[in-house]
PDB file of N, CA and C in Angstrom:
ATOM      1  N   MET A   1      -0.070  -3.248 -19.909  1.00  0.00           N
ATOM      2  CA  MET A   1       0.757  -2.254 -19.346  1.00  0.00           C
ATOM      3  C   MET A   1       0.948  -2.334 -17.896  1.00  0.00           C
ATOM      4  N   PRO A   2       2.208  -2.241 -17.408  1.00  0.00           N
ATOM      5  CA  PRO A   2       2.451  -2.356 -15.854  1.00  0.00           C
ATOM      6  C   PRO A   2       1.867  -1.091 -15.271  1.00  0.00           C
ATOM      7  N   ILE A   3       1.426  -1.273 -13.999  1.00  0.00           N
ATOM      8  CA  ILE A   3       0.895  -0.165 -13.198  1.00  0.00           C
ATOM      9  C   ILE A   3       1.673  -0.042 -11.896  1.00  0.00           C
ATOM     10  N   THR A   4       2.131   1.143 -11.515  1.00  0.00           N
ATOM     11  CA  THR A   4       2.707   1.440 -10.301  1.00  0.00           C
ATOM     12  C   THR A   4       1.671   2.163  -9.301  1.00  0.00           C
ATOM     13  N   HIS A   5       1.439   1.589  -8.183  1.00  0.00           N
ATOM     14  CA  HIS A   5       0.562   2.001  -7.239  1.00  0.00           C
ATOM     15  C   HIS A   5       1.234   2.494  -5.934  1.00  0.00           C
ATOM     16  N   ILE A   6       1.205   3.794  -5.695  1.00  0.00           N
ATOM     17  CA  ILE A   6       1.808   4.364  -4.500  1.00  0.00           C
ATOM     18  C   ILE A   6       0.896   4.697  -3.548  1.00  0.00           C
ATOM     19  N   VAL A   7       1.128   4.301  -2.355  1.00  0.00           N
ATOM     20  CA  VAL A   7       0.172   4.499  -1.163  1.00  0.00           C
ATOM     21  C   VAL A   7       0.980   5.118  -0.095  1.00  0.00           C
ATOM     22  N   LEU A   8       0.531   6.287   0.513  1.00  0.00           N
ATOM     23  CA  LEU A   8       1.153   6.899   1.572  1.00  0.00           C
ATOM     24  C   LEU A   8       0.224   7.146   2.729  1.00  0.00           C
ATOM     25  N   PHE A   9       0.635   6.988   3.974  1.00  0.00           N
ATOM     26  CA  PHE A   9      -0.172   6.960   5.062  1.00  0.00           C
ATOM     27  C   PHE A   9       0.294   8.116   6.102  1.00  0.00           C
ATOM     28  N   ALA A  10      -0.563   8.746   6.697  1.00  0.00           N
ATOM     29  CA  ALA A  10      -0.275   9.553   7.922  1.00  0.00           C
ATOM     30  C   ALA A  10      -1.050   8.702   8.975  1.00  0.00           C
ATOM     31  N   LEU A  11      -0.154   8.689  10.166  1.00  0.00           N
ATOM     32  CA  LEU A  11      -0.597   7.786  11.248  1.00  0.00           C
ATOM     33  C   LEU A  11      -0.971   8.583  12.441  1.00  0.00           C
ATOM     34  N   ALA A  12      -1.934   8.144  13.266  1.00  0.00           N
ATOM     35  CA  ALA A  12      -2.421   8.674  14.484  1.00  0.00           C
ATOM     36  C   ALA A  12      -1.279   9.172  15.403  1.00  0.00           C
ATOM     37  N   PRO A  13      -1.167  10.437  15.776  1.00  0.00           N
ATOM     38  CA  PRO A  13      -0.034  10.698  16.784  1.00  0.00           C
ATOM     39  C   PRO A  13      -0.084   9.874  18.126  1.00  0.00           C
ATOM     40  N   SER A  14      -1.255   9.466  18.372  1.00  0.00           N
ATOM     41  CA  SER A  14      -1.251   8.607  19.633  1.00  0.00           C
ATOM     42  C   SER A  14      -0.855   7.106  19.365  1.00  0.00           C
ATOM     43  N   SER A  15      -0.589   6.756  18.143  1.00  0.00           N
ATOM     44  CA  SER A  15      -0.211   5.310  17.847  1.00  0.00           C
ATOM     45  C   SER A  15       1.114   4.982  18.406  1.00  0.00           C
ATOM     46  N   THR A  16       1.289   3.768  18.785  1.00  0.00           N
ATOM     47  CA  THR A  16       2.583   3.296  19.360  1.00  0.00           C
ATOM     48  C   THR A  16       3.464   2.822  18.203  1.00  0.00           C
ATOM     49  N   ALA A  17       4.701   2.743  18.576  1.00  0.00           N
ATOM     50  CA  ALA A  17       5.732   2.225  17.511  1.00  0.00           C
ATOM     51  C   ALA A  17       5.473   1.013  17.064  1.00  0.00           C
ATOM     52  N   GLU A  18       4.946  -0.011  18.161  1.00  0.00           N
ATOM     53  CA  GLU A  18       4.637  -1.300  17.818  1.00  0.00           C
ATOM     54  C   GLU A  18       3.480  -1.378  16.855  1.00  0.00           C
ATOM     55  N   ALA A  19       2.422  -0.526  17.034  1.00  0.00           N
ATOM     56  CA  ALA A  19       1.239  -0.583  16.097  1.00  0.00           C
ATOM     57  C   ALA A  19       1.600  -0.200  14.740  1.00  0.00           C
ATOM     58  N   GLN A  20       2.489   0.885  14.645  1.00  0.00           N
ATOM     59  CA  GLN A  20       2.943   1.295  13.352  1.00  0.00           C
ATOM     60  C   GLN A  20       3.683   0.226  12.560  1.00  0.00           C
ATOM     61  N   GLN A  21       4.715  -0.487  13.323  1.00  0.00           N
ATOM     62  CA  GLN A  21       5.364  -1.541  12.744  1.00  0.00           C
ATOM     63  C   GLN A  21       4.519  -2.729  12.339  1.00  0.00           C
ATOM     64  N   ALA A  22       3.498  -2.955  13.012  1.00  0.00           N
ATOM     65  CA  ALA A  22       2.536  -4.006  12.712  1.00  0.00           C
ATOM     66  C   ALA A  22       1.736  -3.629  11.559  1.00  0.00           C
ATOM     67  N   LEU A  23       1.414  -2.379  11.344  1.00  0.00           N
ATOM     68  CA  LEU A  23       0.720  -1.930  10.236  1.00  0.00           C
ATOM     69  C   LEU A  23       1.664  -2.109   8.984  1.00  0.00           C
ATOM     70  N   ALA A  24       2.848  -1.652   9.049  1.00  0.00           N
ATOM     71  CA  ALA A  24       3.744  -1.840   7.953  1.00  0.00           C
ATOM     72  C   ALA A  24       3.979  -3.298   7.536  1.00  0.00           C
ATOM     73  N   ALA A  25       4.165  -4.148   8.593  1.00  0.00           N
ATOM     74  CA  ALA A  25       4.300  -5.460   8.313  1.00  0.00           C
ATOM     75  C   ALA A  25       2.994  -6.120   7.648  1.00  0.00           C
ATOM     76  N   ARG A  26       1.851  -5.699   7.997  1.00  0.00           N
ATOM     77  CA  ARG A  26       0.590  -6.152   7.427  1.00  0.00           C
ATOM     78  C   ARG A  26       0.550  -5.731   5.965  1.00  0.00           C
ATOM     79  N   PHE A  27       0.909  -4.586   5.640  1.00  0.00           N
ATOM     80  CA  PHE A  27       0.892  -4.169   4.237  1.00  0.00           C
ATOM     81  C   PHE A  27       2.004  -4.862   3.495  1.00  0.00           C
ATOM     82  N   LEU A  28       3.088  -5.038   3.906  1.00  0.00           N
ATOM     83  CA  LEU A  28       4.214  -5.673   3.222  1.00  0.00           C
ATOM     84  C   LEU A  28       3.878  -7.210   2.967  1.00  0.00           C
ATOM     85  N   ALA A  29       3.108  -7.681   3.723  1.00  0.00           N
ATOM     86  CA  ALA A  29       2.714  -9.128   3.738  1.00  0.00           C
ATOM     87  C   ALA A  29       1.634  -9.329   2.595  1.00  0.00           C
ATOM     88  N   LEU A  30       1.004  -8.352   2.068  1.00  0.00           N
ATOM     89  CA  LEU A  30      -0.021  -8.413   1.001  1.00  0.00           C
ATOM     90  C   LEU A  30       0.718  -8.945  -0.288  1.00  0.00           C
ATOM     91  N   LYS A  31       2.039  -8.698  -0.349  1.00  0.00           N
ATOM     92  CA  LYS A  31       2.791  -9.220  -1.513  1.00  0.00           C
ATOM     93  C   LYS A  31       2.513 -10.784  -1.758  1.00  0.00           C
ATOM     94  N   ASP A  32       2.624 -11.532  -0.612  1.00  0.00           N
ATOM     95  CA  ASP A  32       2.336 -12.879  -0.651  1.00  0.00           C
ATOM     96  C   ASP A  32       0.951 -13.324  -0.313  1.00  0.00           C
ATOM     97  N   LYS A  33       0.205 -12.589   0.388  1.00  0.00           N
ATOM     98  CA  LYS A  33      -1.167 -12.953   0.696  1.00  0.00           C
ATOM     99  C   LYS A  33      -2.179 -12.777  -0.296  1.00  0.00           C
ATOM    100  N   CYS A  34      -1.828 -11.843  -1.197  1.00  0.00           N
ATOM    101  CA  CYS A  34      -2.972 -11.476  -2.253  1.00  0.00           C
ATOM    102  C   CYS A  34      -2.710 -12.426  -3.322  1.00  0.00           C
ATOM    103  N   VAL A  35      -3.825 -13.195  -3.617  1.00  0.00           N
ATOM    104  CA  VAL A  35      -3.691 -14.163  -4.735  1.00  0.00           C
ATOM    105  C   VAL A  35      -5.100 -14.172  -5.517  1.00  0.00           C
ATOM    106  N   LYS A  36      -4.992 -14.563  -6.757  1.00  0.00           N
ATOM    107  CA  LYS A  36      -6.224 -14.623  -7.568  1.00  0.00           C
ATOM    108  C   LYS A  36      -6.908 -15.930  -7.159  1.00  0.00           C
ATOM    109  N   PRO A  37      -8.191 -16.051  -7.637  1.00  0.00           N
ATOM    110  CA  PRO A  37      -9.002 -17.161  -7.372  1.00  0.00           C
ATOM    111  C   PRO A  37      -8.313 -18.534  -7.594  1.00  0.00           C
ATOM    112  N   ASP A  38      -7.369 -18.587  -8.639  1.00  0.00           N
ATOM    113  CA  ASP A  38      -6.637 -19.699  -8.963  1.00  0.00           C
ATOM    114  C   ASP A  38      -5.570 -20.077  -7.939  1.00  0.00           C
ATOM    115  N   GLY A  39      -5.137 -19.128  -7.044  1.00  0.00           N
ATOM    116  CA  GLY A  39      -3.995 -19.194  -6.100  1.00  0.00           C
ATOM    117  C   GLY A  39      -2.848 -18.585  -6.536  1.00  0.00           C
ATOM    118  N   SER A  40      -2.904 -18.007  -7.784  1.00  0.00           N
ATOM    119  CA  SER A  40      -1.534 -17.478  -8.151  1.00  0.00           C
ATOM    120  C   SER A  40      -1.417 -15.946  -7.625  1.00  0.00           C
ATOM    121  N   LYS A  41      -0.114 -15.734  -7.315  1.00  0.00           N
ATOM    122  CA  LYS A  41       0.210 -14.380  -6.713  1.00  0.00           C
ATOM    123  C   LYS A  41       0.229 -13.404  -8.007  1.00  0.00           C
ATOM    124  N   TYR A  42      -0.141 -12.112  -7.827  1.00  0.00           N
ATOM    125  CA  TYR A  42      -0.220 -11.251  -8.953  1.00  0.00           C
ATOM    126  C   TYR A  42       0.347  -9.854  -8.666  1.00  0.00           C
ATOM    127  N   ILE A  43       0.939  -9.690  -7.348  1.00  0.00           N
ATOM    128  CA  ILE A  43       1.649  -8.447  -7.135  1.00  0.00           C
ATOM    129  C   ILE A  43       3.080  -8.677  -7.515  1.00  0.00           C
ATOM    130  N   LYS A  44       3.536  -7.904  -8.545  1.00  0.00           N
ATOM    131  CA  LYS A  44       4.844  -8.013  -9.132  1.00  0.00           C
ATOM    132  C   LYS A  44       5.986  -7.680  -8.101  1.00  0.00           C
ATOM    133  N   SER A  45       5.798  -6.591  -7.303  1.00  0.00           N
ATOM    134  CA  SER A  45       6.691  -6.198  -6.218  1.00  0.00           C
ATOM    135  C   SER A  45       5.970  -5.213  -5.294  1.00  0.00           C
ATOM    136  N   LEU A  46       6.536  -5.281  -4.187  1.00  0.00           N
ATOM    137  CA  LEU A  46       5.970  -4.427  -3.003  1.00  0.00           C
ATOM    138  C   LEU A  46       7.043  -3.963  -2.138  1.00  0.00           C
ATOM    139  N   ILE A  47       7.285  -2.683  -1.957  1.00  0.00           N
ATOM    140  CA  ILE A  47       8.340  -2.142  -1.178  1.00  0.00           C
ATOM    141  C   ILE A  47       7.735  -1.097  -0.285  1.00  0.00           C
ATOM    142  N   GLY A  48       8.337  -0.719   0.814  1.00  0.00           N
ATOM    143  CA  GLY A  48       7.816   0.285   1.671  1.00  0.00           C
ATOM    144  C   GLY A  48       8.942   0.769   2.640  1.00  0.00           C
ATOM    145  N   GLY A  49       8.564   2.056   3.204  1.00  0.00           N
ATOM    146  CA  GLY A  49       9.508   2.525   4.240  1.00  0.00           C
ATOM    147  C   GLY A  49       8.920   3.782   4.881  1.00  0.00           C
ATOM    148  N   LYS A  50       9.587   4.329   5.821  1.00  0.00           N
ATOM    149  CA  LYS A  50       9.216   5.374   6.705  1.00  0.00           C
ATOM    150  C   LYS A  50       9.710   6.680   5.918  1.00  0.00           C
ATOM    151  N   GLN A  51       9.004   7.787   5.813  1.00  0.00           N
ATOM    152  CA  GLN A  51       9.327   9.061   5.265  1.00  0.00           C
ATOM    153  C   GLN A  51      10.628   9.641   5.809  1.00  0.00           C
ATOM    154  N   THR A  52      11.531   9.829   5.104  1.00  0.00           N
ATOM    155  CA  THR A  52      12.896  10.371   5.521  1.00  0.00           C
ATOM    156  C   THR A  52      13.417  11.619   4.802  1.00  0.00           C
ATOM    157  N   SER A  53      12.531  12.205   4.000  1.00  0.00           N
ATOM    158  CA  SER A  53      12.974  13.351   3.106  1.00  0.00           C
ATOM    159  C   SER A  53      13.220  14.535   3.992  1.00  0.00           C
ATOM    160  N   PRO A  54      14.282  15.236   3.808  1.00  0.00           N
ATOM    161  CA  PRO A  54      14.706  16.356   4.597  1.00  0.00           C
ATOM    162  C   PRO A  54      14.150  17.694   4.009  1.00  0.00           C
ATOM    163  N   GLU A  55      13.322  17.578   2.963  1.00  0.00           N
ATOM    164  CA  GLU A  55      12.820  18.823   2.264  1.00  0.00           C
ATOM    165  C   GLU A  55      11.596  19.492   2.912  1.00  0.00           C
ATOM    166  N   GLY A  56      11.109  18.811   3.997  1.00  0.00           N
ATOM    167  CA  GLY A  56       9.890  19.494   4.654  1.00  0.00           C
ATOM    168  C   GLY A  56       8.682  19.498   3.843  1.00  0.00           C
ATOM    169  N   LYS A  57       8.467  18.598   2.937  1.00  0.00           N
ATOM    170  CA  LYS A  57       7.279  18.619   2.090  1.00  0.00           C
ATOM    171  C   LYS A  57       6.469  17.317   2.008  1.00  0.00           C
ATOM    172  N   GLY A  58       6.528  16.583   3.325  1.00  0.00           N
ATOM    173  CA  GLY A  58       5.939  15.304   3.402  1.00  0.00           C
ATOM    174  C   GLY A  58       4.565  15.376   3.757  1.00  0.00           C
ATOM    175  N   LYS A  59       3.941  16.642   4.159  1.00  0.00           N
ATOM    176  CA  LYS A  59       2.503  16.876   4.268  1.00  0.00           C
ATOM    177  C   LYS A  59       1.897  15.887   5.432  1.00  0.00           C
ATOM    178  N   GLY A  60       2.736  15.541   6.431  1.00  0.00           N
ATOM    179  CA  GLY A  60       2.300  14.754   7.507  1.00  0.00           C
ATOM    180  C   GLY A  60       2.219  13.258   7.212  1.00  0.00           C
ATOM    181  N   LEU A  61       2.555  12.939   5.950  1.00  0.00           N
ATOM    182  CA  LEU A  61       2.647  11.438   5.595  1.00  0.00           C
ATOM    183  C   LEU A  61       3.961  10.721   6.047  1.00  0.00           C
ATOM    184  N   GLN A  62       3.643   9.660   6.727  1.00  0.00           N
ATOM    185  CA  GLN A  62       4.788   9.015   7.475  1.00  0.00           C
ATOM    186  C   GLN A  62       5.292   7.695   6.719  1.00  0.00           C
ATOM    187  N   TYR A  63       4.490   6.904   6.281  1.00  0.00           N
ATOM    188  CA  TYR A  63       4.768   5.651   5.617  1.00  0.00           C
ATOM    189  C   TYR A  63       4.497   5.660   4.218  1.00  0.00           C
ATOM    190  N   GLY A  64       5.272   5.067   3.420  1.00  0.00           N
ATOM    191  CA  GLY A  64       5.048   5.064   1.994  1.00  0.00           C
ATOM    192  C   GLY A  64       5.146   3.666   1.456  1.00  0.00           C
ATOM    193  N   PHE A  65       4.379   3.128   0.589  1.00  0.00           N
ATOM    194  CA  PHE A  65       4.504   1.837  -0.156  1.00  0.00           C
ATOM    195  C   PHE A  65       4.417   1.944  -1.680  1.00  0.00           C
ATOM    196  N   VAL A  66       5.245   1.177  -2.386  1.00  0.00           N
ATOM    197  CA  VAL A  66       5.104   1.050  -3.902  1.00  0.00           C
ATOM    198  C   VAL A  66       4.709  -0.236  -4.373  1.00  0.00           C
ATOM    199  N   VAL A  67       3.642  -0.510  -4.887  1.00  0.00           N
ATOM    200  CA  VAL A  67       3.068  -1.731  -5.333  1.00  0.00           C
ATOM    201  C   VAL A  67       3.105  -1.800  -6.908  1.00  0.00           C
ATOM    202  N   GLU A  68       3.670  -2.783  -7.558  1.00  0.00           N
ATOM    203  CA  GLU A  68       3.754  -2.836  -8.951  1.00  0.00           C
ATOM    204  C   GLU A  68       2.885  -4.161  -9.359  1.00  0.00           C
ATOM    205  N   PHE A  69       1.999  -3.843 -10.280  1.00  0.00           N
ATOM    206  CA  PHE A  69       1.192  -4.877 -10.944  1.00  0.00           C
ATOM    207  C   PHE A  69       1.613  -5.001 -12.506  1.00  0.00           C
ATOM    208  N   GLU A  70       1.358  -6.178 -13.019  1.00  0.00           N
ATOM    209  CA  GLU A  70       1.836  -6.338 -14.393  1.00  0.00           C
ATOM    210  C   GLU A  70       0.647  -5.765 -15.419  1.00  0.00           C
ATOM    211  N   THR A  71      -0.533  -5.815 -14.768  1.00  0.00           N
ATOM    212  CA  THR A  71      -1.698  -5.370 -15.666  1.00  0.00           C
ATOM    213  C   THR A  71      -2.728  -4.392 -14.889  1.00  0.00           C
ATOM    214  N   GLU A  72      -3.540  -3.650 -15.631  1.00  0.00           N
ATOM    215  CA  GLU A  72      -4.526  -2.860 -14.970  1.00  0.00           C
ATOM    216  C   GLU A  72      -5.606  -3.699 -14.379  1.00  0.00           C
ATOM    217  N   GLU A  73      -5.728  -5.005 -15.045  1.00  0.00           N
ATOM    218  CA  GLU A  73      -6.663  -5.939 -14.464  1.00  0.00           C
ATOM    219  C   GLU A  73      -6.257  -6.445 -13.153  1.00  0.00           C
ATOM    220  N   ASP A  74      -5.024  -6.585 -12.960  1.00  0.00           N
ATOM    221  CA  ASP A  74      -4.442  -7.001 -11.649  1.00  0.00           C
ATOM    222  C   ASP A  74      -4.712  -6.002 -10.591  1.00  0.00           C
ATOM    223  N   ARG A  75      -4.416  -4.708 -10.967  1.00  0.00           N
ATOM    224  CA  ARG A  75      -4.640  -3.701  -9.979  1.00  0.00           C
ATOM    225  C   ARG A  75      -6.293  -3.700  -9.693  1.00  0.00           C
ATOM    226  N   THR A  76      -6.992  -3.632 -10.556  1.00  0.00           N
ATOM    227  CA  THR A  76      -8.494  -3.628 -10.411  1.00  0.00           C
ATOM    228  C   THR A  76      -8.939  -4.806  -9.446  1.00  0.00           C
ATOM    229  N   TYR A  77      -8.287  -6.010  -9.702  1.00  0.00           N
ATOM    230  CA  TYR A  77      -8.703  -7.123  -8.732  1.00  0.00           C
ATOM    231  C   TYR A  77      -8.320  -6.813  -7.281  1.00  0.00           C
ATOM    232  N   TYR A  78      -7.003  -6.218  -7.204  1.00  0.00           N
ATOM    233  CA  TYR A  78      -6.439  -5.874  -5.838  1.00  0.00           C
ATOM    234  C   TYR A  78      -7.428  -4.831  -5.253  1.00  0.00           C
ATOM    235  N   LEU A  79      -7.875  -3.904  -5.898  1.00  0.00           N
ATOM    236  CA  LEU A  79      -8.653  -2.820  -5.327  1.00  0.00           C
ATOM    237  C   LEU A  79     -10.175  -3.308  -5.005  1.00  0.00           C
ATOM    238  N   GLU A  80     -10.664  -4.031  -5.805  1.00  0.00           N
ATOM    239  CA  GLU A  80     -12.161  -4.335  -5.751  1.00  0.00           C
ATOM    240  C   GLU A  80     -12.412  -5.801  -5.239  1.00  0.00           C
ATOM    241  N   LYS A  81     -11.575  -6.673  -5.379  1.00  0.00           N
ATOM    242  CA  LYS A  81     -11.987  -8.207  -5.072  1.00  0.00           C
ATOM    243  C   LYS A  81     -11.135  -8.874  -4.152  1.00  0.00           C
ATOM    244  N   ASP A  82      -9.809  -8.497  -4.031  1.00  0.00           N
ATOM    245  CA  ASP A  82      -8.968  -9.322  -3.157  1.00  0.00           C
ATOM    246  C   ASP A  82      -9.310  -9.156  -1.593  1.00  0.00           C
ATOM    247  N   ALA A  83      -9.729 -10.273  -0.954  1.00  0.00           N
ATOM    248  CA  ALA A  83     -10.173 -10.193   0.253  1.00  0.00           C
ATOM    249  C   ALA A  83      -8.974  -9.720   1.230  1.00  0.00           C
ATOM    250  N   GLU A  84      -7.890 -10.184   1.034  1.00  0.00           N
ATOM    251  CA  GLU A  84      -6.672  -9.745   1.886  1.00  0.00           C
ATOM    252  C   GLU A  84      -6.641  -8.175   1.707  1.00  0.00           C
ATOM    253  N   HIS A  85      -6.479  -7.611   0.731  1.00  0.00           N
ATOM    254  CA  HIS A  85      -6.313  -6.202   0.628  1.00  0.00           C
ATOM    255  C   HIS A  85      -7.685  -5.448   1.226  1.00  0.00           C
ATOM    256  N   LEU A  86      -8.884  -5.924   0.926  1.00  0.00           N
ATOM    257  CA  LEU A  86      -9.965  -5.394   1.347  1.00  0.00           C
ATOM    258  C   LEU A  86      -9.972  -5.361   2.957  1.00  0.00           C
ATOM    259  N   ALA A  87      -9.538  -6.445   3.508  1.00  0.00           N
ATOM    260  CA  ALA A  87      -9.487  -6.529   4.971  1.00  0.00           C
ATOM    261  C   ALA A  87      -8.544  -5.623   5.578  1.00  0.00           C
ATOM    262  N   PHE A  88      -7.368  -5.503   5.018  1.00  0.00           N
ATOM    263  CA  PHE A  88      -6.346  -4.412   5.384  1.00  0.00           C
ATOM    264  C   PHE A  88      -6.969  -2.946   5.212  1.00  0.00           C
ATOM    265  N   ALA A  89      -7.595  -2.692   4.163  1.00  0.00           N
ATOM    266  CA  ALA A  89      -8.066  -1.365   3.919  1.00  0.00           C
ATOM    267  C   ALA A  89      -9.139  -0.994   4.986  1.00  0.00           C
ATOM    268  N   GLY A  90      -9.805  -2.044   5.343  1.00  0.00           N
ATOM    269  CA  GLY A  90     -10.936  -1.737   6.338  1.00  0.00           C
ATOM    270  C   GLY A  90     -10.779  -1.938   7.710  1.00  0.00           C
ATOM    271  N   GLY A  91      -9.480  -2.413   8.041  1.00  0.00           N
ATOM    272  CA  GLY A  91      -9.279  -2.856   9.399  1.00  0.00           C
ATOM    273  C   GLY A  91      -7.998  -2.205  10.106  1.00  0.00           C
ATOM    274  N   ASN A  92      -7.873  -0.901  10.037  1.00  0.00           N
ATOM    275  CA  ASN A  92      -6.809  -0.404  10.703  1.00  0.00           C
ATOM    276  C   ASN A  92      -7.129   0.374  12.069  1.00  0.00           C
ATOM    277  N   GLY A  93      -8.343   0.278  12.399  1.00  0.00           N
ATOM    278  CA  GLY A  93      -8.691   0.763  13.732  1.00  0.00           C
ATOM    279  C   GLY A  93      -8.341   2.268  14.090  1.00  0.00           C
ATOM    280  N   GLY A  94      -8.330   3.144  13.172  1.00  0.00           N
ATOM    281  CA  GLY A  94      -8.064   4.540  13.346  1.00  0.00           C
ATOM    282  C   GLY A  94      -6.564   4.854  13.284  1.00  0.00           C
ATOM    283  N   LEU A  95      -5.747   3.909  13.091  1.00  0.00           N
ATOM    284  CA  LEU A  95      -4.232   3.997  13.139  1.00  0.00           C
ATOM    285  C   LEU A  95      -3.994   4.948  11.948  1.00  0.00           C
ATOM    286  N   VAL A  96      -4.546   4.747  10.731  1.00  0.00           N
ATOM    287  CA  VAL A  96      -4.272   5.668   9.505  1.00  0.00           C
ATOM    288  C   VAL A  96      -5.277   6.696   9.661  1.00  0.00           C
ATOM    289  N   THR A  97      -4.688   7.896   9.731  1.00  0.00           N
ATOM    290  CA  THR A  97      -5.618   9.178   9.800  1.00  0.00           C
ATOM    291  C   THR A  97      -5.836   9.816   8.386  1.00  0.00           C
ATOM    292  N   ASP A  98      -4.893   9.514   7.465  1.00  0.00           N
ATOM    293  CA  ASP A  98      -5.093  10.037   6.122  1.00  0.00           C
ATOM    294  C   ASP A  98      -4.242   9.223   5.234  1.00  0.00           C
ATOM    295  N   ALA A  99      -4.652   9.218   3.947  1.00  0.00           N
ATOM    296  CA  ALA A  99      -3.907   8.423   3.040  1.00  0.00           C
ATOM    297  C   ALA A  99      -3.714   9.163   1.766  1.00  0.00           C
ATOM    298  N   CYS A 100      -2.766   9.047   0.842  1.00  0.00           N
ATOM    299  CA  CYS A 100      -2.693   9.465  -0.468  1.00  0.00           C
ATOM    300  C   CYS A 100      -2.455   8.438  -1.374  1.00  0.00           C
ATOM    301  N   VAL A 101      -3.149   8.111  -2.425  1.00  0.00           N
ATOM    302  CA  VAL A 101      -2.810   7.138  -3.425  1.00  0.00           C
ATOM    303  C   VAL A 101      -2.691   7.678  -4.758  1.00  0.00           C
ATOM    304  N   PHE A 102      -1.455   7.265  -5.506  1.00  0.00           N
ATOM    305  CA  PHE A 102      -1.157   7.836  -6.881  1.00  0.00           C
ATOM    306  C   PHE A 102      -0.756   6.630  -7.742  1.00  0.00           C
ATOM    307  N   ASP A 103      -1.501   6.436  -8.796  1.00  0.00           N
ATOM    308  CA  ASP A 103      -1.105   5.304  -9.658  1.00  0.00           C
ATOM    309  C   ASP A 103      -0.684   5.870 -10.935  1.00  0.00           C
ATOM    310  N   PHE A 104       0.308   5.158 -11.570  1.00  0.00           N
ATOM    311  CA  PHE A 104       0.727   5.611 -12.957  1.00  0.00           C
ATOM    312  C   PHE A 104       1.126   4.437 -13.769  1.00  0.00           C
ATOM    313  N   THR A 105       1.207   4.661 -14.962  1.00  0.00           N
ATOM    314  CA  THR A 105       1.810   3.634 -15.955  1.00  0.00           C
ATOM    315  C   THR A 105       3.092   4.204 -16.341  1.00  0.00           C
ATOM    316  N   PRO A 106       4.299   3.474 -15.966  1.00  0.00           N
ATOM    317  CA  PRO A 106       5.578   4.086 -16.233  1.00  0.00           C
ATOM    318  C   PRO A 106       5.719   4.474 -17.774  1.00  0.00           C
ATOM    319  N   GLY A 107       6.163   5.712 -17.826  1.00  0.00           N
ATOM    320  CA  GLY A 107       6.503   6.238 -19.228  1.00  0.00           C
ATOM    321  C   GLY A 107       5.396   7.014 -19.910  1.00  0.00           C
ATOM    322  N   GLU A 108       4.209   6.793 -19.394  1.00  0.00           N
ATOM    323  CA  GLU A 108       3.016   7.523 -19.961  1.00  0.00           C
ATOM    324  C   GLU A 108       2.692   8.843 -19.293  1.00  0.00           C
ATOM    325  N   PHE A 109       2.628   9.829 -20.161  1.00  0.00           N
ATOM    326  CA  PHE A 109       2.427  11.176 -19.752  1.00  0.00           C
ATOM    327  C   PHE A 109       1.257  11.841 -20.235  1.00  0.00           C
TER     328      PHE A 109
END
């Protein structure tokens, strides 16, 4: 079953626009950089953008990304073993001050 993985970031108020853009570019690059041991890409799609909702319910989260995986196994590999993702998650130098992650299988309630 496909898995949709949503990641939302709050960014340090002191961060520069350049640092924020670099963070977004690094996350979006995971689409092509994340590969299985055999070299095959496994992220079905990855999109993202800046929070633009006028509803006032963003809870301080500024950037959002949606990652789609074909299988739960692909998501597990991404979260636990993929060196590119693990390096991204561990190397943001205080730029990300908070995060929210929400995963679901489309149509399953």
